[in-house]
Amino acid sequence: MLPLEETVKSGIILDVEVRQTETSKTQPWPRPVARVWITMLFLITWLLYSARMAMPVCAVTMATQFSWSKTDLGVVMSGFFYGYCLTQVLGGYASDRIGGERVLLLSSTGWAFVTTVTPLLAHLSISPLITMTTARFLMGLFQGVHYPSLASVCAQRVGEGERGFVMGVIGCGSYLGVLFVGGLGSVILELHSWEPVFTIVGLLSALWAFSVWQCRVTDTVAENASNSDSKSHPEHSVAFWLNLCMKPPVLSMFFTHLCYRAGHYTLLSWLPTFFKETYPHAKGWVFNVVPWFVAMVSSLLGGSLSKYLIKNGYCVSAVRKMMQFCSMGISSIFLLLLCRNPSFLSAVVLVSAAIGLGTFNNSGVTVNVHDLAPSCAGALYGVMNTCGALSGILLVYFSGYLVELTQSWDVVFSLLTLVNVMGLSVFLLFGDAQRLDLD
């Protein structure tokens, strides 16, 4: 039996070793590397959403050309989410193990190729409904790893106080992507047809993947990561995962994310069609550009506000809930006002306000997974994003069915408000930001 002094010394050494192991799991990027990677992640998120939104922007033109009903269009667009569900957890797990940077490079190559060849698939001898649904499925399959990989990268390479701001900056890329393909698509659709929209976005995405591969940015990050001990990527048992996923803060995060994503995907998929049908003489570039320009600004604002509050001593949990209240609470008011048959200008303002406030989610539930479980953030985000994608499948399709059944968009905006309120209430009651993966 060890003397008391040696026992205490051994305990201290063991405690220091445990702390060093935990610290190695989340080594921040050096500032020069951080600048490069935040820029690259911003660019690929921009292109990711450009590729994802090409179909909704071109939906009305394609539906007219191929004689699709609203239900057919809902099937095509929801096909994305079937593929999206399948690679979330796998992508997050792989990112936690080998690095999210490598996973992002591989996946971007895949969906860049699918985007580029989409026009060719539409003109095969097979039914366009089948080929376009297949293309959307493959797009979702490759893009499903993107956000779990981002979660893994940010949890391991970005400090707690900076995560909201970094995700806000990267989130701007998604809104720039929607803005870019909305503006570009509107101009191309007026001058030509829908095919060049996919070709241009696909080639730009391929250029990003080639540039990253050519510059060997991933090798630099992999070399930095190799300095960490192999214990920085521990194997978690089934019991660990069951215990973690059954904790109230994790369950509330899952449910709120599910509700937010369902509403967000529905707006992304159906807003161009809503404006096109409700205001047929309106300029497409206005409603395809203005809301997403506002979203870019508000995403930066939300990230900066989150960073400021945390650095000035505000509780991280309170900041996350405040951001989510803006994202799902206040934004729902503007969605409800769309049910009052506003003018085109008023509708653009209301949609811009709703989408702009929705971006505060980047500093709320989106980064909450980094707070709760940084050691396995990629895989955990994959689980909850799978839930969000499944809810997207249901709500995107169901919204198309409701519009076709009722001939009214009011029921869709009312439904989205209800979903938002449910998700927000659960997060406000049970959400937290205390780390849970050390138990």
Protein backbone atom coordinates (compact mmCIF):
# COMPACT_ATOMS: atom_id res chain seq x y z
CA MET A 1 0.00 0.00 0.00
CA LEU A 2 1.41 3.40 -0.98
CA PRO A 3 2.16 5.99 1.69
CA LEU A 4 -0.23 8.94 1.82
CA GLU A 5 2.25 11.32 0.14
CA GLU A 6 2.82 8.96 -2.81
CA THR A 7 -0.91 8.33 -3.15
CA VAL A 8 -1.63 12.05 -3.37
CA LYS A 9 1.23 12.52 -5.84
CA SER A 10 -0.07 9.66 -8.01
CA GLY A 11 -3.55 11.15 -7.92
CA ILE A 12 -2.23 14.52 -9.02
CA ILE A 13 -0.22 12.99 -11.87
CA LEU A 14 -3.23 10.95 -13.02
CA ASP A 15 -5.46 14.02 -12.91
CA VAL A 16 -2.94 16.01 -14.96
CA GLU A 17 -2.70 13.20 -17.53
CA VAL A 18 -6.49 13.04 -17.89
CA ARG A 19 -6.68 16.79 -18.33
CA GLN A 20 -3.91 16.73 -20.94
CA THR A 21 -5.72 13.97 -22.84
CA GLU A 22 -8.96 15.96 -22.82
CA THR A 23 -7.16 19.13 -23.89
CA SER A 24 -5.54 17.36 -26.84
CA LYS A 25 -8.96 16.54 -28.19
CA THR A 26 -9.69 20.18 -28.90
CA GLN A 27 -6.42 21.79 -30.00
CA PRO A 28 -7.29 25.10 -31.71
CA TRP A 29 -5.89 25.96 -35.11
CA PRO A 30 -2.95 28.39 -35.18
CA ARG A 31 -4.24 31.74 -36.39
CA PRO A 32 -2.77 31.58 -39.96
CA VAL A 33 -4.17 28.09 -40.49
CA ALA A 34 -7.49 29.19 -39.01
CA ARG A 35 -7.79 32.04 -41.53
CA VAL A 36 -7.14 29.69 -44.45
CA TRP A 37 -9.58 27.04 -43.31
CA ILE A 38 -12.39 29.38 -42.29
CA THR A 39 -12.14 30.95 -45.76
CA MET A 40 -12.16 27.54 -47.46
CA LEU A 41 -15.08 26.31 -45.34
CA PHE A 42 -16.98 29.51 -46.12
CA LEU A 43 -16.42 28.97 -49.86
CA ILE A 44 -17.44 25.31 -49.90
CA THR A 45 -20.57 26.05 -47.86
CA TRP A 46 -21.43 28.75 -50.41
CA LEU A 47 -21.05 26.26 -53.27
CA LEU A 48 -22.83 23.51 -51.34
CA TYR A 49 -25.97 25.62 -51.02
CA SER A 50 -25.67 26.86 -54.57
CA ALA A 51 -25.80 23.25 -55.74
CA ARG A 52 -28.56 22.34 -53.29
CA MET A 53 -30.77 25.28 -54.23
CA ALA A 54 -30.36 24.98 -58.01
CA MET A 55 -33.34 22.61 -58.16
CA PRO A 56 -35.81 24.74 -56.11
CA VAL A 57 -34.84 27.87 -58.10
CA CYS A 58 -35.44 26.05 -61.40
CA ALA A 59 -38.42 24.04 -60.09
CA VAL A 60 -41.23 25.98 -61.76
CA THR A 61 -39.51 25.97 -65.16
CA MET A 62 -38.68 22.27 -64.89
CA ALA A 63 -42.19 21.40 -63.70
CA THR A 64 -43.65 23.18 -66.74
CA GLN A 65 -41.23 21.49 -69.15
CA PHE A 66 -41.79 17.99 -67.73
CA SER A 67 -45.50 18.42 -66.82
CA TRP A 68 -44.99 17.78 -63.09
CA SER A 69 -47.73 18.35 -60.52
CA LYS A 70 -47.04 19.85 -57.08
CA THR A 71 -46.92 16.35 -55.66
CA ASP A 72 -44.41 15.27 -58.34
CA LEU A 73 -42.29 18.30 -57.55
CA GLY A 74 -42.47 17.45 -53.86
CA VAL A 75 -41.24 13.92 -54.63
CA VAL A 76 -38.27 15.25 -56.62
CA MET A 77 -37.20 17.80 -54.02
CA SER A 78 -37.73 15.48 -51.04
CA GLY A 79 -35.52 12.89 -52.78
CA PHE A 80 -32.56 14.95 -51.57
CA PHE A 81 -33.38 14.21 -47.94
CA TYR A 82 -33.52 10.44 -48.39
CA GLY A 83 -29.87 10.45 -49.41
CA TYR A 84 -29.06 13.16 -46.88
CA CYS A 85 -30.21 10.93 -44.01
CA LEU A 86 -27.97 8.00 -44.91
CA THR A 87 -24.53 9.62 -44.56
CA GLN A 88 -24.96 11.94 -41.57
CA VAL A 89 -23.75 9.64 -38.82
CA LEU A 90 -21.12 7.97 -41.02
CA GLY A 91 -19.76 11.36 -42.08
CA GLY A 92 -19.61 12.63 -38.50
CA TYR A 93 -17.91 9.46 -37.24
CA ALA A 94 -15.36 9.51 -40.06
CA SER A 95 -14.65 13.19 -39.40
CA ASP A 96 -14.04 12.53 -35.70
CA ARG A 97 -11.63 9.75 -36.63
CA ILE A 98 -9.69 10.97 -39.72
CA GLY A 99 -10.46 14.69 -39.80
CA GLY A 100 -13.42 16.59 -41.21
CA GLU A 101 -11.20 18.36 -43.74
CA ARG A 102 -10.52 15.15 -45.66
CA VAL A 103 -14.15 14.09 -45.54
CA LEU A 104 -15.25 17.47 -46.92
CA LEU A 105 -12.84 17.17 -49.86
CA LEU A 106 -14.09 13.70 -50.80
CA SER A 107 -17.77 14.58 -50.49
CA SER A 108 -17.49 17.88 -52.41
CA THR A 109 -15.94 16.02 -55.33
CA GLY A 110 -18.96 13.70 -55.41
CA TRP A 111 -21.73 16.29 -55.30
CA ALA A 112 -19.88 18.59 -57.72
CA PHE A 113 -19.96 15.74 -60.27
CA VAL A 114 -23.67 15.03 -59.67
CA THR A 115 -24.55 18.73 -60.09
CA THR A 116 -22.61 19.01 -63.33
CA VAL A 117 -24.25 15.98 -64.98
CA THR A 118 -27.83 16.73 -63.81
CA PRO A 119 -28.84 18.32 -67.17
CA LEU A 120 -27.57 15.23 -68.97
CA LEU A 121 -29.61 12.94 -66.72
CA ALA A 122 -32.77 14.94 -67.42
CA HIS A 123 -32.55 14.24 -71.14
CA LEU A 124 -32.00 10.51 -70.99
CA SER A 125 -34.65 8.18 -72.38
CA ILE A 126 -35.78 7.41 -68.82
CA SER A 127 -38.58 9.45 -67.22
CA PRO A 128 -37.25 12.84 -65.96
CA LEU A 129 -39.19 12.31 -62.73
CA ILE A 130 -37.06 9.22 -62.01
CA THR A 131 -33.70 10.65 -63.12
CA MET A 132 -34.15 13.96 -61.28
CA THR A 133 -35.27 12.22 -58.09
CA THR A 134 -32.21 9.97 -58.39
CA ALA A 135 -29.95 12.98 -58.92
CA ARG A 136 -31.42 14.67 -55.83
CA PHE A 137 -30.91 11.47 -53.84
CA LEU A 138 -27.23 11.28 -54.84
CA MET A 139 -26.82 14.98 -54.09
CA GLY A 140 -28.16 14.39 -50.58
CA LEU A 141 -25.96 11.32 -50.17
CA PHE A 142 -22.76 13.31 -50.81
CA GLN A 143 -23.86 16.50 -49.05
CA GLY A 144 -25.04 14.65 -45.94
CA VAL A 145 -21.54 14.59 -44.46
CA HIS A 146 -20.97 18.35 -44.75
CA TYR A 147 -22.44 19.71 -41.51
CA PRO A 148 -21.36 16.77 -39.30
CA SER A 149 -17.84 17.36 -40.64
CA LEU A 150 -18.09 21.07 -39.84
CA ALA A 151 -19.30 20.22 -36.33
CA SER A 152 -16.32 17.90 -35.83
CA VAL A 153 -13.84 20.45 -37.16
CA CYS A 154 -15.19 23.33 -35.06
CA ALA A 155 -15.41 21.24 -31.88
CA GLN A 156 -11.76 20.17 -32.24
CA ARG A 157 -10.22 23.31 -33.74
CA VAL A 158 -12.21 26.32 -32.44
CA GLY A 159 -12.39 27.62 -28.86
CA GLU A 160 -15.72 27.76 -27.00
CA GLY A 161 -16.13 31.53 -27.12
CA GLU A 162 -15.34 31.66 -30.85
CA ARG A 163 -17.63 28.85 -32.06
CA GLY A 164 -20.75 30.94 -32.48
CA PHE A 165 -18.87 33.55 -34.48
CA VAL A 166 -17.06 30.99 -36.68
CA MET A 167 -20.29 29.13 -37.43
CA GLY A 168 -21.94 32.47 -38.14
CA VAL A 169 -19.24 33.30 -40.69
CA ILE A 170 -19.41 29.85 -42.29
CA GLY A 171 -23.21 30.08 -42.19
CA CYS A 172 -22.96 33.22 -44.32
CA GLY A 173 -21.67 30.95 -47.05
CA SER A 174 -24.96 29.07 -47.15
CA TYR A 175 -26.95 32.27 -47.58
CA LEU A 176 -24.49 33.59 -50.15
CA GLY A 177 -25.02 30.31 -52.01
CA VAL A 178 -28.78 30.75 -52.06
CA LEU A 179 -28.34 34.39 -53.06
CA PHE A 180 -25.85 33.50 -55.78
CA VAL A 181 -27.89 30.73 -57.39
CA GLY A 182 -31.08 32.75 -56.92
CA GLY A 183 -29.69 35.77 -58.73
CA LEU A 184 -27.77 33.80 -61.34
CA GLY A 185 -30.63 31.36 -61.87
CA SER A 186 -33.21 34.11 -62.30
CA VAL A 187 -31.12 35.83 -64.99
CA ILE A 188 -30.29 32.58 -66.80
CA LEU A 189 -33.92 31.39 -66.68
CA GLU A 190 -35.08 34.64 -68.29
CA LEU A 191 -32.39 34.53 -71.00
CA HIS A 192 -31.96 30.82 -71.63
CA SER A 193 -33.08 27.64 -69.82
CA TRP A 194 -32.46 25.85 -66.52
CA GLU A 195 -29.57 23.58 -67.60
CA PRO A 196 -26.68 26.15 -67.38
CA VAL A 197 -27.53 26.85 -63.72
CA PHE A 198 -26.50 23.31 -62.75
CA THR A 199 -23.48 23.25 -65.06
CA ILE A 200 -21.98 26.51 -63.77
CA VAL A 201 -22.44 25.62 -60.08
CA GLY A 202 -21.09 22.10 -60.63
CA LEU A 203 -17.94 23.31 -62.37
CA LEU A 204 -17.24 25.93 -59.69
CA SER A 205 -17.61 23.25 -57.01
CA ALA A 206 -15.23 20.97 -58.87
CA LEU A 207 -12.76 23.86 -59.06
CA TRP A 208 -12.86 24.24 -55.25
CA ALA A 209 -12.17 20.53 -54.73
CA PHE A 210 -9.33 20.59 -57.26
CA SER A 211 -7.80 23.71 -55.66
CA VAL A 212 -7.84 22.20 -52.17
CA TRP A 213 -6.34 18.97 -53.45
CA GLN A 214 -3.72 20.78 -55.52
CA CYS A 215 -2.65 23.06 -52.68
CA ARG A 216 -2.60 20.08 -50.30
CA VAL A 217 -4.30 22.06 -47.55
CA THR A 218 -5.58 18.83 -46.05
CA ASP A 219 -2.05 17.53 -45.67
CA THR A 220 -1.15 20.55 -43.54
CA VAL A 221 -4.07 20.00 -41.22
CA ALA A 222 -3.50 16.24 -41.10
CA GLU A 223 0.13 16.86 -40.12
CA ASN A 224 -1.00 19.15 -37.30
CA ALA A 225 -3.57 16.59 -36.19
CA SER A 226 -0.98 13.79 -36.16
CA ASN A 227 0.79 15.55 -33.29
CA SER A 228 -2.13 14.62 -31.05
CA ASP A 229 -2.06 11.34 -29.14
CA SER A 230 -4.17 8.54 -30.54
CA LYS A 231 -6.28 8.83 -27.39
CA SER A 232 -7.70 12.07 -28.76
CA HIS A 233 -10.10 9.91 -30.78
CA PRO A 234 -11.35 7.36 -28.23
CA GLU A 235 -13.71 4.55 -29.06
CA HIS A 236 -16.99 5.15 -27.24
CA SER A 237 -19.03 2.19 -26.10
CA VAL A 238 -22.68 1.57 -26.90
CA ALA A 239 -23.50 2.26 -23.26
CA PHE A 240 -21.79 5.66 -23.53
CA TRP A 241 -23.86 6.62 -26.57
CA LEU A 242 -27.13 5.45 -25.02
CA ASN A 243 -26.38 7.33 -21.83
CA LEU A 244 -25.41 10.50 -23.70
CA CYS A 245 -28.36 10.50 -26.09
CA MET A 246 -30.90 9.96 -23.29
CA LYS A 247 -29.86 13.03 -21.30
CA PRO A 248 -32.48 15.83 -21.34
CA PRO A 249 -30.17 18.55 -22.80
CA VAL A 250 -29.21 16.24 -25.69
CA LEU A 251 -32.80 15.14 -26.34
CA SER A 252 -34.01 18.75 -26.29
CA MET A 253 -31.21 19.73 -28.69
CA PHE A 254 -32.22 16.89 -31.02
CA PHE A 255 -35.90 17.86 -30.99
CA THR A 256 -35.27 21.57 -31.48
CA HIS A 257 -32.86 20.89 -34.33
CA LEU A 258 -35.43 18.57 -35.90
CA CYS A 259 -38.09 21.29 -35.77
CA TYR A 260 -35.79 24.03 -37.03
CA ARG A 261 -34.46 21.99 -39.94
CA ALA A 262 -37.93 20.87 -40.99
CA GLY A 263 -39.07 24.48 -41.25
CA HIS A 264 -35.83 25.69 -42.83
CA TYR A 265 -35.83 23.01 -45.54
CA THR A 266 -39.49 23.69 -46.30
CA LEU A 267 -38.82 27.40 -46.80
CA LEU A 268 -35.76 26.67 -48.94
CA SER A 269 -37.72 24.27 -51.12
CA TRP A 270 -41.01 26.12 -51.55
CA LEU A 271 -40.37 29.87 -51.27
CA PRO A 272 -39.46 30.32 -54.97
CA THR A 273 -42.67 28.52 -55.95
CA PHE A 274 -44.71 30.57 -53.43
CA PHE A 275 -43.51 33.86 -54.90
CA LYS A 276 -43.82 32.66 -58.47
CA GLU A 277 -47.45 31.62 -58.03
CA THR A 278 -48.62 34.34 -55.64
CA TYR A 279 -46.90 37.21 -57.47
CA PRO A 280 -46.55 35.95 -61.07
CA HIS A 281 -45.42 39.31 -62.49
CA ALA A 282 -42.72 39.94 -59.89
CA LYS A 283 -39.05 39.88 -60.81
CA GLY A 284 -37.48 36.58 -59.79
CA TRP A 285 -34.15 38.13 -58.80
CA VAL A 286 -35.87 40.18 -56.09
CA PHE A 287 -37.36 37.33 -54.04
CA ASN A 288 -34.48 34.99 -54.86
CA VAL A 289 -31.81 37.47 -53.71
CA VAL A 290 -33.05 39.97 -51.10
CA PRO A 291 -33.97 37.52 -48.27
CA TRP A 292 -30.63 35.74 -48.53
CA PHE A 293 -28.65 38.98 -48.59
CA VAL A 294 -30.39 39.90 -45.33
CA ALA A 295 -29.56 36.42 -44.01
CA MET A 296 -25.84 36.94 -44.68
CA VAL A 297 -25.79 40.14 -42.63
CA SER A 298 -27.89 38.73 -39.80
CA SER A 299 -25.77 35.56 -39.57
CA LEU A 300 -22.69 37.68 -38.97
CA LEU A 301 -24.65 39.82 -36.51
CA GLY A 302 -25.83 36.78 -34.55
CA GLY A 303 -22.34 35.28 -34.43
CA SER A 304 -20.78 38.56 -33.32
CA LEU A 305 -23.45 39.09 -30.67
CA SER A 306 -22.95 35.57 -29.32
CA LYS A 307 -19.17 36.05 -29.16
CA TYR A 308 -19.56 39.43 -27.42
CA LEU A 309 -21.98 38.15 -24.78
CA ILE A 310 -19.90 35.09 -23.90
CA LYS A 311 -16.67 37.09 -23.70
CA ASN A 312 -18.39 39.53 -21.35
CA GLY A 313 -19.32 36.83 -18.87
CA TYR A 314 -22.83 35.83 -19.89
CA CYS A 315 -23.74 32.21 -19.28
CA VAL A 316 -23.19 30.12 -22.45
CA SER A 317 -26.50 28.32 -21.93
CA ALA A 318 -28.40 31.62 -21.67
CA VAL A 319 -26.74 32.92 -24.84
CA ARG A 320 -27.64 29.76 -26.77
CA LYS A 321 -31.28 30.05 -25.68
CA MET A 322 -31.40 33.76 -26.51
CA MET A 323 -30.13 33.07 -30.02
CA GLN A 324 -32.66 30.27 -30.48
CA PHE A 325 -35.52 32.46 -29.27
CA CYS A 326 -34.70 34.96 -32.00
CA SER A 327 -34.34 32.15 -34.54
CA MET A 328 -37.59 30.28 -33.90
CA GLY A 329 -39.68 32.60 -31.76
CA ILE A 330 -39.52 36.11 -33.18
CA SER A 331 -39.12 34.83 -36.76
CA SER A 332 -42.42 32.93 -36.48
CA ILE A 333 -44.29 36.22 -36.04
CA PHE A 334 -43.22 37.27 -39.53
CA LEU A 335 -44.25 33.90 -40.98
CA LEU A 336 -47.73 34.33 -39.53
CA LEU A 337 -48.02 37.80 -41.06
CA LEU A 338 -47.57 36.20 -44.49
CA CYS A 339 -51.03 34.65 -44.00
CA ARG A 340 -52.64 38.10 -44.32
CA ASN A 341 -52.21 38.38 -48.10
CA PRO A 342 -49.50 41.07 -48.08
CA SER A 343 -48.35 42.98 -51.14
CA PHE A 344 -45.26 41.73 -52.96
CA LEU A 345 -42.99 44.27 -51.29
CA SER A 346 -44.40 43.44 -47.83
CA ALA A 347 -44.02 39.71 -48.50
CA VAL A 348 -40.35 40.17 -49.41
CA VAL A 349 -39.79 42.18 -46.21
CA LEU A 350 -41.58 39.57 -44.05
CA VAL A 351 -39.73 36.63 -45.60
CA SER A 352 -36.42 38.49 -45.28
CA ALA A 353 -37.09 39.17 -41.58
CA ALA A 354 -38.10 35.54 -40.91
CA ILE A 355 -35.09 34.07 -42.71
CA GLY A 356 -32.72 36.69 -41.29
CA LEU A 357 -33.72 35.98 -37.69
CA GLY A 358 -33.61 32.26 -38.44
CA THR A 359 -29.84 32.53 -38.98
CA PHE A 360 -29.38 33.11 -35.24
CA ASN A 361 -29.74 29.32 -35.04
CA ASN A 362 -26.06 29.18 -36.13
CA SER A 363 -25.18 30.54 -32.67
CA GLY A 364 -27.84 28.52 -30.86
CA VAL A 365 -28.65 24.85 -31.31
CA THR A 366 -26.13 24.41 -34.13
CA VAL A 367 -23.15 25.03 -31.81
CA ASN A 368 -24.82 23.52 -28.75
CA VAL A 369 -23.49 20.11 -29.82
CA HIS A 370 -19.95 21.53 -29.45
CA ASP A 371 -20.80 22.56 -25.88
CA LEU A 372 -22.31 19.23 -24.84
CA ALA A 373 -19.93 16.71 -26.46
CA PRO A 374 -16.85 18.14 -28.21
CA SER A 375 -15.07 14.76 -28.22
CA CYS A 376 -17.72 13.23 -30.49
CA ALA A 377 -19.42 16.32 -31.93
CA GLY A 378 -19.26 15.09 -35.53
CA ALA A 379 -21.03 11.79 -34.90
CA LEU A 380 -23.56 13.37 -32.50
CA TYR A 381 -24.35 16.11 -34.99
CA GLY A 382 -24.77 13.41 -37.62
CA VAL A 383 -27.40 11.71 -35.45
CA MET A 384 -29.40 14.88 -34.86
CA ASN A 385 -29.04 16.08 -38.45
CA THR A 386 -30.40 12.72 -39.60
CA CYS A 387 -33.47 13.46 -37.50
CA GLY A 388 -33.63 16.91 -39.10
CA ALA A 389 -33.37 15.46 -42.59
CA LEU A 390 -36.14 12.94 -41.88
CA SER A 391 -38.39 15.72 -40.69
CA GLY A 392 -37.43 17.63 -43.85
CA ILE A 393 -38.59 14.72 -46.01
CA LEU A 394 -41.97 14.70 -44.33
CA LEU A 395 -42.59 18.43 -44.13
CA VAL A 396 -41.37 19.31 -47.65
CA TYR A 397 -43.59 16.62 -49.17
CA PHE A 398 -46.52 17.32 -46.84
CA SER A 399 -46.35 21.06 -47.60
CA GLY A 400 -46.63 20.39 -51.32
CA TYR A 401 -49.59 18.10 -50.66
CA LEU A 402 -51.32 20.73 -48.48
CA VAL A 403 -50.90 23.47 -51.07
CA GLU A 404 -52.29 21.24 -53.80
CA LEU A 405 -55.18 20.19 -51.54
CA THR A 406 -56.14 23.61 -50.14
CA GLN A 407 -54.85 25.88 -52.93
CA SER A 408 -53.51 28.12 -50.17
CA TRP A 409 -50.08 28.86 -48.72
CA ASP A 410 -51.50 30.10 -45.41
CA VAL A 411 -51.75 26.58 -44.01
CA VAL A 412 -48.03 26.00 -44.70
CA PHE A 413 -46.91 29.15 -42.86
CA SER A 414 -49.22 28.33 -39.94
CA LEU A 415 -47.80 24.82 -39.77
CA LEU A 416 -44.23 26.13 -39.80
CA THR A 417 -45.07 28.49 -36.93
CA LEU A 418 -46.48 25.63 -34.87
CA VAL A 419 -43.37 23.51 -35.49
CA ASN A 420 -41.10 26.41 -34.46
CA VAL A 421 -42.98 27.08 -31.24
CA MET A 422 -42.85 23.41 -30.24
CA GLY A 423 -39.10 23.14 -30.83
CA LEU A 424 -38.29 26.43 -29.09
CA SER A 425 -40.37 25.58 -26.00
CA VAL A 426 -38.54 22.29 -25.46
CA PHE A 427 -35.12 23.93 -25.82
CA LEU A 428 -35.95 26.75 -23.41
CA LEU A 429 -37.13 24.23 -20.80
CA PHE A 430 -34.47 21.54 -21.06
CA GLY A 431 -31.55 22.98 -23.05
CA ASP A 432 -28.11 23.41 -21.44
CA ALA A 433 -24.47 24.00 -22.38
CA GLN A 434 -22.61 21.96 -19.75
CA ARG A 435 -20.25 19.33 -21.15
CA LEU A 436 -21.71 15.82 -20.89
CA ASP A 437 -19.20 13.56 -22.66
CA LEU A 438 -16.85 13.17 -19.68
CA ASP A 439 -19.18 11.00 -17.58
